[in-house]
Amino acid sequence: MNPFIDDLKSTKFIDLKDGLYNIIKERVWIKSDKPFKLASGITSSEYFNIKNLGSDGLALAAALLYKMIQKTDTASIGGLESGAIPLSVATSCMSLAQKSTAPLEWFYVRKDIKGHGTGNTIEGRPAPPVMILDDVITSGGSSLKAIRAIKDQNIDYIGTMCVLFRGDKEHKMALEEEGSFQYIFSHNDFQ
């Protein structure tokens, strides 16, 4: 199965999810006696390095995100550099390959204002309405920063999606206050 080529309408969500789960378990989920410091500042004995998905894992993640996004009015996808960039590009390409709907544009939000050239905070083509993508969300800080950047440009925002949510109820509520929030896996799926 190649989700970039096959018609996703005939590919079951659960099959894609099972394939991605196995890849995350094998390549991405790292456990250690020495705690990892997460982007949120929280420490954990577990780390999910989604950047280790590989091209097959990224294709599965993009296929799943695309299937979820199709249930919304989203016109473009993106998020804070760097976790959102490969997911946004792959999902955008997935939408283009399917040819059944208008392709999704992609963009990314810089962590800091560009110090040269146009001085843009947002790069790419964020056509409204926008869905923020992220690889792993714990506190939601990166996604909230991307949401603020989009809203500061008066671009309509729909919601946020991620591959793995490892936050708690409070973090989920903070994201839901801004718009919809969905994820493929929760941290509990890997316990």
N, C-alpha and C. Protein backbone atom coordinates (compact mmCIF):
# COMPACT_ATOMS: atom_id res chain seq x y z
N MET A 1 0.85 -1.19 0.00
CA MET A 1 0.00 0.00 0.00
C MET A 1 0.89 1.25 0.00
N ASN A 2 0.60 2.15 -0.88
CA ASN A 2 1.30 3.42 -0.93
C ASN A 2 0.26 4.53 -0.85
N PRO A 3 0.09 5.15 0.35
CA PRO A 3 -0.97 6.14 0.51
C PRO A 3 -0.78 7.40 -0.35
N PHE A 4 0.39 7.62 -0.92
CA PHE A 4 0.56 8.76 -1.81
C PHE A 4 -0.04 8.47 -3.19
N ILE A 5 -0.15 7.20 -3.53
CA ILE A 5 -0.65 6.83 -4.85
C ILE A 5 -2.05 6.25 -4.77
N ASP A 6 -2.28 5.35 -3.83
CA ASP A 6 -3.58 4.70 -3.71
C ASP A 6 -4.68 5.71 -3.41
N ASP A 7 -5.88 5.38 -3.83
CA ASP A 7 -7.04 6.20 -3.53
C ASP A 7 -7.35 6.06 -2.04
N LEU A 8 -7.23 7.14 -1.31
CA LEU A 8 -7.45 7.09 0.14
C LEU A 8 -8.88 6.76 0.51
N LYS A 9 -9.82 7.00 -0.38
CA LYS A 9 -11.21 6.68 -0.07
C LYS A 9 -11.40 5.19 0.16
N SER A 10 -10.58 4.37 -0.48
CA SER A 10 -10.70 2.93 -0.31
C SER A 10 -9.77 2.37 0.76
N THR A 11 -8.94 3.20 1.33
CA THR A 11 -8.01 2.77 2.38
C THR A 11 -8.62 3.08 3.74
N LYS A 12 -8.71 2.08 4.58
CA LYS A 12 -9.36 2.24 5.88
C LYS A 12 -8.46 3.03 6.84
N PHE A 13 -9.09 3.96 7.55
CA PHE A 13 -8.41 4.79 8.54
C PHE A 13 -7.67 3.92 9.55
N ILE A 14 -8.34 2.87 10.02
CA ILE A 14 -7.75 2.02 11.06
C ILE A 14 -6.51 1.29 10.56
N ASP A 15 -6.48 0.92 9.28
CA ASP A 15 -5.30 0.26 8.72
C ASP A 15 -4.11 1.22 8.69
N LEU A 16 -4.37 2.45 8.25
CA LEU A 16 -3.32 3.46 8.25
C LEU A 16 -2.82 3.73 9.66
N LYS A 17 -3.77 3.83 10.60
CA LYS A 17 -3.42 4.12 12.00
C LYS A 17 -2.59 3.00 12.61
N ASP A 18 -2.96 1.75 12.33
CA ASP A 18 -2.18 0.61 12.84
C ASP A 18 -0.75 0.64 12.31
N GLY A 19 -0.60 0.95 11.02
CA GLY A 19 0.73 1.03 10.43
C GLY A 19 1.57 2.12 11.06
N LEU A 20 0.95 3.29 11.28
CA LEU A 20 1.68 4.40 11.90
C LEU A 20 2.02 4.08 13.35
N TYR A 21 1.11 3.45 14.05
CA TYR A 21 1.36 3.07 15.46
C TYR A 21 2.62 2.21 15.55
N ASN A 22 2.73 1.21 14.69
CA ASN A 22 3.89 0.32 14.73
C ASN A 22 5.19 1.06 14.44
N ILE A 23 5.15 2.00 13.49
CA ILE A 23 6.35 2.78 13.18
C ILE A 23 6.74 3.67 14.36
N ILE A 24 5.76 4.31 14.97
CA ILE A 24 6.05 5.15 16.15
C ILE A 24 6.67 4.30 17.25
N LYS A 25 6.09 3.15 17.49
CA LYS A 25 6.59 2.27 18.56
C LYS A 25 8.03 1.81 18.29
N GLU A 26 8.34 1.55 17.01
CA GLU A 26 9.68 1.05 16.65
C GLU A 26 10.73 2.15 16.53
N ARG A 27 10.39 3.30 15.96
CA ARG A 27 11.39 4.31 15.59
C ARG A 27 11.33 5.60 16.38
N VAL A 28 10.20 5.91 16.95
CA VAL A 28 9.96 7.26 17.47
C VAL A 28 9.94 7.31 18.99
N TRP A 29 9.38 6.30 19.62
CA TRP A 29 9.17 6.28 21.07
C TRP A 29 10.46 5.86 21.75
N ILE A 30 11.04 6.76 22.51
CA ILE A 30 12.30 6.52 23.20
C ILE A 30 12.04 6.58 24.71
N LYS A 31 12.48 5.54 25.42
CA LYS A 31 12.36 5.51 26.88
C LYS A 31 13.77 5.51 27.48
N SER A 32 13.92 6.23 28.58
CA SER A 32 15.24 6.34 29.20
C SER A 32 15.10 6.55 30.71
N ASP A 33 16.11 6.10 31.44
CA ASP A 33 16.15 6.38 32.88
C ASP A 33 16.48 7.84 33.14
N LYS A 34 17.19 8.44 32.20
CA LYS A 34 17.53 9.86 32.30
C LYS A 34 16.41 10.67 31.65
N PRO A 35 15.79 11.59 32.40
CA PRO A 35 14.64 12.32 31.84
C PRO A 35 15.03 13.24 30.68
N PHE A 36 14.10 13.35 29.74
CA PHE A 36 14.23 14.27 28.61
C PHE A 36 13.52 15.56 28.97
N LYS A 37 14.09 16.69 28.54
CA LYS A 37 13.40 17.97 28.70
C LYS A 37 12.62 18.22 27.42
N LEU A 38 11.31 18.40 27.55
CA LEU A 38 10.44 18.63 26.40
C LEU A 38 10.38 20.12 26.09
N ALA A 39 9.89 20.46 24.90
CA ALA A 39 9.77 21.86 24.49
C ALA A 39 8.92 22.65 25.48
N SER A 40 7.99 21.98 26.13
CA SER A 40 7.10 22.63 27.11
C SER A 40 7.83 22.96 28.42
N GLY A 41 9.04 22.42 28.58
CA GLY A 41 9.78 22.60 29.82
C GLY A 41 9.58 21.44 30.78
N ILE A 42 8.60 20.61 30.53
CA ILE A 42 8.31 19.44 31.35
C ILE A 42 9.39 18.39 31.08
N THR A 43 9.73 17.60 32.09
CA THR A 43 10.66 16.50 31.89
C THR A 43 9.88 15.18 31.90
N SER A 44 10.40 14.22 31.14
CA SER A 44 9.73 12.93 31.01
C SER A 44 10.77 11.86 30.72
N SER A 45 10.50 10.65 31.16
CA SER A 45 11.38 9.52 30.84
C SER A 45 11.07 8.96 29.45
N GLU A 46 10.08 9.55 28.78
CA GLU A 46 9.72 9.13 27.43
C GLU A 46 9.80 10.32 26.48
N TYR A 47 10.27 10.05 25.28
CA TYR A 47 10.37 11.09 24.26
C TYR A 47 9.87 10.51 22.95
N PHE A 48 9.05 11.27 22.25
CA PHE A 48 8.53 10.87 20.95
C PHE A 48 9.14 11.79 19.90
N ASN A 49 10.15 11.28 19.19
CA ASN A 49 10.83 12.07 18.17
C ASN A 49 10.19 11.77 16.81
N ILE A 50 9.10 12.48 16.51
CA ILE A 50 8.34 12.26 15.29
C ILE A 50 9.19 12.48 14.04
N LYS A 51 10.27 13.22 14.18
CA LYS A 51 11.15 13.45 13.03
C LYS A 51 11.83 12.15 12.58
N ASN A 52 11.74 11.09 13.38
CA ASN A 52 12.31 9.79 13.03
C ASN A 52 11.31 8.87 12.34
N LEU A 53 10.16 9.41 11.91
CA LEU A 53 9.15 8.57 11.24
C LEU A 53 9.68 7.91 9.98
N GLY A 54 10.56 8.59 9.25
CA GLY A 54 10.98 8.10 7.94
C GLY A 54 9.91 8.45 6.92
N SER A 55 10.22 8.23 5.66
CA SER A 55 9.29 8.63 4.60
C SER A 55 8.00 7.81 4.64
N ASP A 56 8.08 6.53 4.97
CA ASP A 56 6.86 5.71 5.03
C ASP A 56 5.97 6.13 6.19
N GLY A 57 6.56 6.42 7.34
CA GLY A 57 5.78 6.89 8.48
C GLY A 57 5.18 8.26 8.24
N LEU A 58 5.95 9.13 7.59
CA LEU A 58 5.44 10.47 7.27
C LEU A 58 4.26 10.36 6.29
N ALA A 59 4.35 9.45 5.33
CA ALA A 59 3.25 9.25 4.38
C ALA A 59 2.00 8.76 5.10
N LEU A 60 2.16 7.87 6.06
CA LEU A 60 1.00 7.39 6.83
C LEU A 60 0.41 8.51 7.67
N ALA A 61 1.26 9.29 8.35
CA ALA A 61 0.78 10.41 9.16
C ALA A 61 0.04 11.41 8.28
N ALA A 62 0.59 11.72 7.11
CA ALA A 62 -0.05 12.67 6.19
C ALA A 62 -1.39 12.13 5.70
N ALA A 63 -1.45 10.84 5.40
CA ALA A 63 -2.71 10.24 4.95
C ALA A 63 -3.78 10.33 6.03
N LEU A 64 -3.41 10.05 7.26
CA LEU A 64 -4.36 10.13 8.38
C LEU A 64 -4.81 11.56 8.62
N LEU A 65 -3.87 12.49 8.64
CA LEU A 65 -4.22 13.90 8.83
C LEU A 65 -5.12 14.38 7.69
N TYR A 66 -4.80 13.98 6.47
CA TYR A 66 -5.62 14.39 5.33
C TYR A 66 -7.04 13.86 5.46
N LYS A 67 -7.20 12.60 5.86
CA LYS A 67 -8.54 12.04 6.05
C LYS A 67 -9.31 12.83 7.12
N MET A 68 -8.62 13.23 8.18
CA MET A 68 -9.27 14.02 9.24
C MET A 68 -9.63 15.42 8.73
N ILE A 69 -8.71 16.02 7.99
CA ILE A 69 -8.92 17.38 7.48
C ILE A 69 -10.07 17.43 6.48
N GLN A 70 -10.26 16.37 5.72
CA GLN A 70 -11.33 16.34 4.72
C GLN A 70 -12.72 16.55 5.34
N LYS A 71 -12.84 16.31 6.62
CA LYS A 71 -14.13 16.49 7.30
C LYS A 71 -14.34 17.94 7.75
N THR A 72 -13.42 18.83 7.36
CA THR A 72 -13.50 20.24 7.74
C THR A 72 -13.50 21.09 6.47
N ASP A 73 -13.58 22.40 6.65
CA ASP A 73 -13.53 23.34 5.52
C ASP A 73 -12.13 23.90 5.30
N THR A 74 -11.13 23.25 5.81
CA THR A 74 -9.75 23.73 5.76
C THR A 74 -9.27 23.98 4.33
N ALA A 75 -8.61 25.13 4.13
CA ALA A 75 -8.00 25.46 2.84
C ALA A 75 -6.48 25.40 2.89
N SER A 76 -5.90 25.58 4.09
CA SER A 76 -4.44 25.49 4.21
C SER A 76 -4.06 24.97 5.58
N ILE A 77 -2.85 24.43 5.63
CA ILE A 77 -2.34 23.77 6.84
C ILE A 77 -0.93 24.23 7.11
N GLY A 78 -0.59 24.30 8.39
CA GLY A 78 0.76 24.68 8.77
C GLY A 78 0.86 24.84 10.26
N GLY A 79 2.02 25.24 10.71
CA GLY A 79 2.24 25.43 12.13
C GLY A 79 3.64 25.95 12.37
N LEU A 80 4.03 25.90 13.63
CA LEU A 80 5.32 26.44 14.04
C LEU A 80 6.47 25.58 13.51
N GLU A 81 7.54 26.26 13.06
CA GLU A 81 8.72 25.52 12.62
C GLU A 81 9.31 24.76 13.81
N SER A 82 9.90 23.67 13.71
CA SER A 82 10.13 22.88 12.53
C SER A 82 9.23 21.65 12.47
N GLY A 83 8.59 21.29 13.59
CA GLY A 83 7.77 20.08 13.63
C GLY A 83 6.65 20.05 12.63
N ALA A 84 6.05 21.20 12.36
CA ALA A 84 4.90 21.25 11.46
C ALA A 84 5.29 21.22 9.98
N ILE A 85 6.51 21.54 9.66
CA ILE A 85 6.89 21.69 8.25
C ILE A 85 6.76 20.37 7.48
N PRO A 86 7.41 19.27 7.89
CA PRO A 86 7.27 18.06 7.08
C PRO A 86 5.83 17.54 7.04
N LEU A 87 5.11 17.66 8.15
CA LEU A 87 3.71 17.20 8.16
C LEU A 87 2.85 18.02 7.21
N SER A 88 3.05 19.33 7.20
CA SER A 88 2.26 20.22 6.34
C SER A 88 2.56 19.98 4.87
N VAL A 89 3.83 19.86 4.53
CA VAL A 89 4.21 19.64 3.14
C VAL A 89 3.69 18.28 2.66
N ALA A 90 3.90 17.24 3.46
CA ALA A 90 3.45 15.90 3.07
C ALA A 90 1.93 15.83 2.94
N THR A 91 1.22 16.46 3.85
CA THR A 91 -0.25 16.44 3.80
C THR A 91 -0.76 17.25 2.62
N SER A 92 -0.11 18.36 2.34
CA SER A 92 -0.47 19.15 1.16
C SER A 92 -0.26 18.34 -0.12
N CYS A 93 0.87 17.66 -0.22
CA CYS A 93 1.15 16.82 -1.39
C CYS A 93 0.14 15.67 -1.48
N MET A 94 -0.24 15.12 -0.32
CA MET A 94 -1.26 14.07 -0.29
C MET A 94 -2.56 14.59 -0.89
N SER A 95 -2.94 15.81 -0.54
CA SER A 95 -4.19 16.38 -1.05
C SER A 95 -4.11 16.61 -2.56
N LEU A 96 -2.94 17.00 -3.03
CA LEU A 96 -2.74 17.22 -4.46
C LEU A 96 -2.82 15.90 -5.23
N ALA A 97 -2.25 14.85 -4.67
CA ALA A 97 -2.25 13.54 -5.32
C ALA A 97 -3.64 12.93 -5.41
N GLN A 98 -4.52 13.27 -4.50
CA GLN A 98 -5.86 12.67 -4.49
C GLN A 98 -6.76 13.23 -5.57
N LYS A 99 -6.57 14.46 -5.97
CA LYS A 99 -7.30 15.10 -7.08
C LYS A 99 -8.81 15.14 -6.91
N SER A 100 -9.34 14.73 -5.76
CA SER A 100 -10.79 14.72 -5.58
C SER A 100 -11.32 16.01 -4.97
N THR A 101 -10.43 16.78 -4.36
CA THR A 101 -10.80 18.06 -3.77
C THR A 101 -9.71 19.07 -4.10
N ALA A 102 -9.97 20.32 -3.80
CA ALA A 102 -8.95 21.35 -4.00
C ALA A 102 -7.75 21.02 -3.11
N PRO A 103 -6.54 21.12 -3.64
CA PRO A 103 -5.35 20.82 -2.82
C PRO A 103 -5.20 21.83 -1.69
N LEU A 104 -4.67 21.36 -0.60
CA LEU A 104 -4.41 22.21 0.57
C LEU A 104 -3.11 22.98 0.35
N GLU A 105 -3.14 24.26 0.62
CA GLU A 105 -1.90 25.05 0.64
C GLU A 105 -1.19 24.76 1.96
N TRP A 106 0.12 25.01 2.01
CA TRP A 106 0.85 24.83 3.26
C TRP A 106 1.64 26.10 3.57
N PHE A 107 1.97 26.24 4.84
CA PHE A 107 2.74 27.39 5.33
C PHE A 107 3.43 26.98 6.62
N TYR A 108 4.31 27.84 7.10
CA TYR A 108 4.84 27.64 8.45
C TYR A 108 5.02 28.98 9.13
N VAL A 109 5.02 28.93 10.44
CA VAL A 109 5.20 30.12 11.27
C VAL A 109 6.59 30.08 11.86
N ARG A 110 7.33 31.16 11.67
CA ARG A 110 8.68 31.24 12.25
C ARG A 110 8.60 31.44 13.75
N LYS A 111 9.56 30.88 14.46
CA LYS A 111 9.63 31.10 15.91
C LYS A 111 9.98 32.55 16.22
N ASP A 112 10.80 33.12 15.37
CA ASP A 112 11.21 34.52 15.51
C ASP A 112 11.03 35.23 14.17
N ILE A 113 10.79 36.51 14.22
CA ILE A 113 10.61 37.30 13.01
C ILE A 113 11.88 37.23 12.17
N LYS A 114 11.70 37.03 10.88
CA LYS A 114 12.83 36.95 9.96
C LYS A 114 13.59 38.26 9.98
N GLY A 115 14.90 38.21 10.18
CA GLY A 115 15.73 39.40 10.30
C GLY A 115 16.23 39.96 8.99
N HIS A 116 15.79 39.40 7.88
CA HIS A 116 16.23 39.90 6.58
C HIS A 116 15.10 39.67 5.56
N GLY A 117 15.32 40.15 4.36
CA GLY A 117 14.30 39.95 3.31
C GLY A 117 13.00 40.64 3.67
N THR A 118 11.91 39.90 3.60
CA THR A 118 10.58 40.47 3.83
C THR A 118 10.24 40.64 5.30
N GLY A 119 10.99 40.01 6.19
CA GLY A 119 10.71 40.10 7.62
C GLY A 119 9.43 39.37 8.02
N ASN A 120 9.04 38.37 7.23
CA ASN A 120 7.81 37.64 7.49
C ASN A 120 7.89 36.76 8.73
N THR A 121 6.79 36.67 9.41
CA THR A 121 6.62 35.69 10.48
C THR A 121 6.03 34.41 9.91
N ILE A 122 5.16 34.56 8.92
CA ILE A 122 4.50 33.43 8.27
C ILE A 122 5.05 33.28 6.86
N GLU A 123 5.51 32.08 6.54
CA GLU A 123 6.05 31.78 5.21
C GLU A 123 5.13 30.79 4.51
N GLY A 124 4.92 30.96 3.24
CA GLY A 124 4.05 30.08 2.49
C GLY A 124 2.75 30.79 2.14
N ARG A 125 1.71 30.01 1.95
CA ARG A 125 0.45 30.57 1.48
C ARG A 125 -0.71 30.15 2.38
N PRO A 126 -0.89 30.81 3.51
CA PRO A 126 -1.98 30.44 4.42
C PRO A 126 -3.34 30.96 3.96
N ALA A 127 -4.01 30.21 3.09
CA ALA A 127 -5.34 30.58 2.62
C ALA A 127 -6.37 30.20 3.69
N PRO A 128 -7.27 31.10 4.01
CA PRO A 128 -8.26 30.78 5.04
C PRO A 128 -9.35 29.83 4.50
N PRO A 129 -9.91 29.04 5.38
CA PRO A 129 -9.59 28.84 6.79
C PRO A 129 -8.40 27.90 6.99
N VAL A 130 -7.69 28.12 8.09
CA VAL A 130 -6.42 27.47 8.38
C VAL A 130 -6.58 26.41 9.48
N MET A 131 -5.88 25.29 9.29
CA MET A 131 -5.76 24.26 10.33
C MET A 131 -4.29 24.22 10.74
N ILE A 132 -4.02 24.34 12.04
CA ILE A 132 -2.66 24.24 12.55
C ILE A 132 -2.32 22.76 12.75
N LEU A 133 -1.15 22.36 12.27
CA LEU A 133 -0.66 21.00 12.46
C LEU A 133 0.55 21.03 13.38
N ASP A 134 0.72 19.96 14.13
CA ASP A 134 1.90 19.82 14.99
C ASP A 134 2.24 18.34 15.08
N ASP A 135 3.51 18.04 15.37
CA ASP A 135 3.89 16.64 15.49
C ASP A 135 3.48 16.10 16.86
N VAL A 136 4.02 16.68 17.93
CA VAL A 136 3.68 16.26 19.29
C VAL A 136 3.26 17.49 20.08
N ILE A 137 2.16 17.38 20.81
CA ILE A 137 1.70 18.48 21.66
C ILE A 137 1.66 17.98 23.10
N THR A 138 2.32 18.74 23.97
CA THR A 138 2.25 18.47 25.41
C THR A 138 1.43 19.60 26.05
N SER A 139 2.01 20.77 26.18
CA SER A 139 1.29 21.90 26.77
C SER A 139 0.50 22.68 25.73
N GLY A 140 0.89 22.55 24.47
CA GLY A 140 0.23 23.29 23.40
C GLY A 140 0.87 24.62 23.09
N GLY A 141 1.98 24.94 23.74
CA GLY A 141 2.62 26.24 23.58
C GLY A 141 2.99 26.57 22.14
N SER A 142 3.57 25.61 21.42
CA SER A 142 3.97 25.86 20.03
C SER A 142 2.75 26.09 19.15
N SER A 143 1.73 25.28 19.33
CA SER A 143 0.51 25.44 18.54
C SER A 143 -0.17 26.77 18.85
N LEU A 144 -0.21 27.14 20.13
CA LEU A 144 -0.83 28.40 20.51
C LEU A 144 -0.07 29.59 19.92
N LYS A 145 1.25 29.48 19.85
CA LYS A 145 2.05 30.55 19.23
C LYS A 145 1.70 30.66 17.74
N ALA A 146 1.55 29.53 17.07
CA ALA A 146 1.18 29.55 15.65
C ALA A 146 -0.23 30.11 15.47
N ILE A 147 -1.15 29.73 16.35
CA ILE A 147 -2.52 30.24 16.29
C ILE A 147 -2.53 31.76 16.44
N ARG A 148 -1.77 32.27 17.40
CA ARG A 148 -1.70 33.72 17.62
C ARG A 148 -1.17 34.44 16.38
N ALA A 149 -0.13 33.87 15.75
CA ALA A 149 0.44 34.48 14.55
C ALA A 149 -0.59 34.54 13.43
N ILE A 150 -1.35 33.47 13.26
CA ILE A 150 -2.39 33.43 12.23
C ILE A 150 -3.48 34.46 12.53
N LYS A 151 -3.93 34.48 13.77
CA LYS A 151 -5.00 35.41 14.16
C LYS A 151 -4.52 36.86 14.08
N ASP A 152 -3.24 37.10 14.38
CA ASP A 152 -2.69 38.46 14.27
C ASP A 152 -2.72 38.97 12.83
N GLN A 153 -2.72 38.06 11.87
CA GLN A 153 -2.79 38.43 10.45
C GLN A 153 -4.24 38.42 9.95
N ASN A 154 -5.19 38.28 10.90
CA ASN A 154 -6.62 38.24 10.57
C ASN A 154 -6.97 37.14 9.57
N ILE A 155 -6.33 36.00 9.72
CA ILE A 155 -6.61 34.83 8.88
C ILE A 155 -7.52 33.90 9.69
N ASP A 156 -8.61 33.47 9.09
CA ASP A 156 -9.55 32.57 9.78
C ASP A 156 -8.86 31.28 10.16
N TYR A 157 -9.05 30.88 11.42
CA TYR A 157 -8.46 29.67 11.98
C TYR A 157 -9.59 28.72 12.37
N ILE A 158 -9.46 27.45 12.00
CA ILE A 158 -10.48 26.44 12.33
C ILE A 158 -10.12 25.64 13.57
N GLY A 159 -8.89 25.10 13.59
CA GLY A 159 -8.52 24.22 14.69
C GLY A 159 -7.10 23.74 14.56
N THR A 160 -6.79 22.76 15.42
CA THR A 160 -5.44 22.19 15.50
C THR A 160 -5.53 20.68 15.46
N MET A 161 -4.57 20.06 14.78
CA MET A 161 -4.43 18.60 14.74
C MET A 161 -2.98 18.25 14.99
N CYS A 162 -2.77 17.09 15.62
CA CYS A 162 -1.40 16.62 15.83
C CYS A 162 -1.35 15.10 15.70
N VAL A 163 -0.14 14.60 15.56
CA VAL A 163 0.07 13.16 15.49
C VAL A 163 -0.07 12.57 16.88
N LEU A 164 0.53 13.20 17.89
CA LEU A 164 0.52 12.65 19.25
C LEU A 164 0.23 13.75 20.26
N PHE A 165 -0.77 13.53 21.09
CA PHE A 165 -1.08 14.45 22.18
C PHE A 165 -0.66 13.79 23.49
N ARG A 166 0.24 14.44 24.20
CA ARG A 166 0.69 13.89 25.48
C ARG A 166 0.40 14.82 26.65
N GLY A 167 -0.45 15.81 26.42
CA GLY A 167 -0.81 16.76 27.46
C GLY A 167 -1.93 16.22 28.36
N ASP A 168 -2.41 17.10 29.21
CA ASP A 168 -3.51 16.72 30.11
C ASP A 168 -4.78 17.47 29.73
N LYS A 169 -5.81 17.30 30.53
CA LYS A 169 -7.13 17.90 30.25
C LYS A 169 -7.03 19.42 30.13
N GLU A 170 -6.23 20.05 30.99
CA GLU A 170 -6.06 21.50 30.98
C GLU A 170 -5.47 21.98 29.65
N HIS A 171 -4.46 21.26 29.16
CA HIS A 171 -3.82 21.62 27.89
C HIS A 171 -4.80 21.44 26.72
N LYS A 172 -5.57 20.37 26.78
CA LYS A 172 -6.56 20.11 25.73
C LYS A 172 -7.61 21.23 25.72
N MET A 173 -8.06 21.63 26.90
CA MET A 173 -9.07 22.68 27.00
C MET A 173 -8.54 24.02 26.47
N ALA A 174 -7.26 24.32 26.71
CA ALA A 174 -6.67 25.57 26.22
C ALA A 174 -6.70 25.61 24.70
N LEU A 175 -6.43 24.48 24.05
CA LEU A 175 -6.48 24.42 22.59
C LEU A 175 -7.92 24.47 22.09
N GLU A 176 -8.82 23.81 22.79
CA GLU A 176 -10.23 23.79 22.38
C GLU A 176 -10.89 25.16 22.54
N GLU A 177 -10.35 26.00 23.41
CA GLU A 177 -10.87 27.36 23.55
C GLU A 177 -10.62 28.18 22.29
N GLU A 178 -9.59 27.81 21.54
CA GLU A 178 -9.22 28.52 20.31
C GLU A 178 -9.97 28.00 19.09
N GLY A 179 -10.33 26.72 19.09
CA GLY A 179 -10.98 26.09 17.95
C GLY A 179 -11.06 24.59 18.19
N SER A 180 -11.31 23.82 17.14
CA SER A 180 -11.37 22.37 17.32
C SER A 180 -9.96 21.83 17.60
N PHE A 181 -9.91 20.67 18.23
CA PHE A 181 -8.62 20.02 18.51
C PHE A 181 -8.79 18.52 18.34
N GLN A 182 -7.95 17.93 17.48
CA GLN A 182 -7.98 16.49 17.24
C GLN A 182 -6.56 15.96 17.17
N TYR A 183 -6.43 14.68 17.47
CA TYR A 183 -5.12 14.04 17.39
C TYR A 183 -5.29 12.59 16.95
N ILE A 184 -4.23 12.05 16.38
CA ILE A 184 -4.25 10.66 15.93
C ILE A 184 -4.06 9.73 17.11
N PHE A 185 -3.06 10.00 17.94
CA PHE A 185 -2.77 9.18 19.11
C PHE A 185 -2.66 10.05 20.35
N SER A 186 -2.96 9.44 21.49
CA SER A 186 -2.66 10.07 22.77
C SER A 186 -1.50 9.31 23.40
N HIS A 187 -0.88 9.93 24.38
CA HIS A 187 0.22 9.31 25.09
C HIS A 187 -0.22 7.98 25.68
N ASN A 188 -1.46 7.90 26.14
CA ASN A 188 -1.98 6.67 26.75
C ASN A 188 -1.99 5.49 25.78
N ASP A 189 -2.04 5.74 24.49
CA ASP A 189 -2.01 4.66 23.51
C ASP A 189 -0.69 3.90 23.54
N PHE A 190 0.33 4.49 24.14
CA PHE A 190 1.67 3.87 24.17
C PHE A 190 2.06 3.42 25.58
N GLN A 191 1.12 3.23 26.44
CA GLN A 191 1.40 2.78 27.81
C GLN A 191 1.27 1.27 27.94
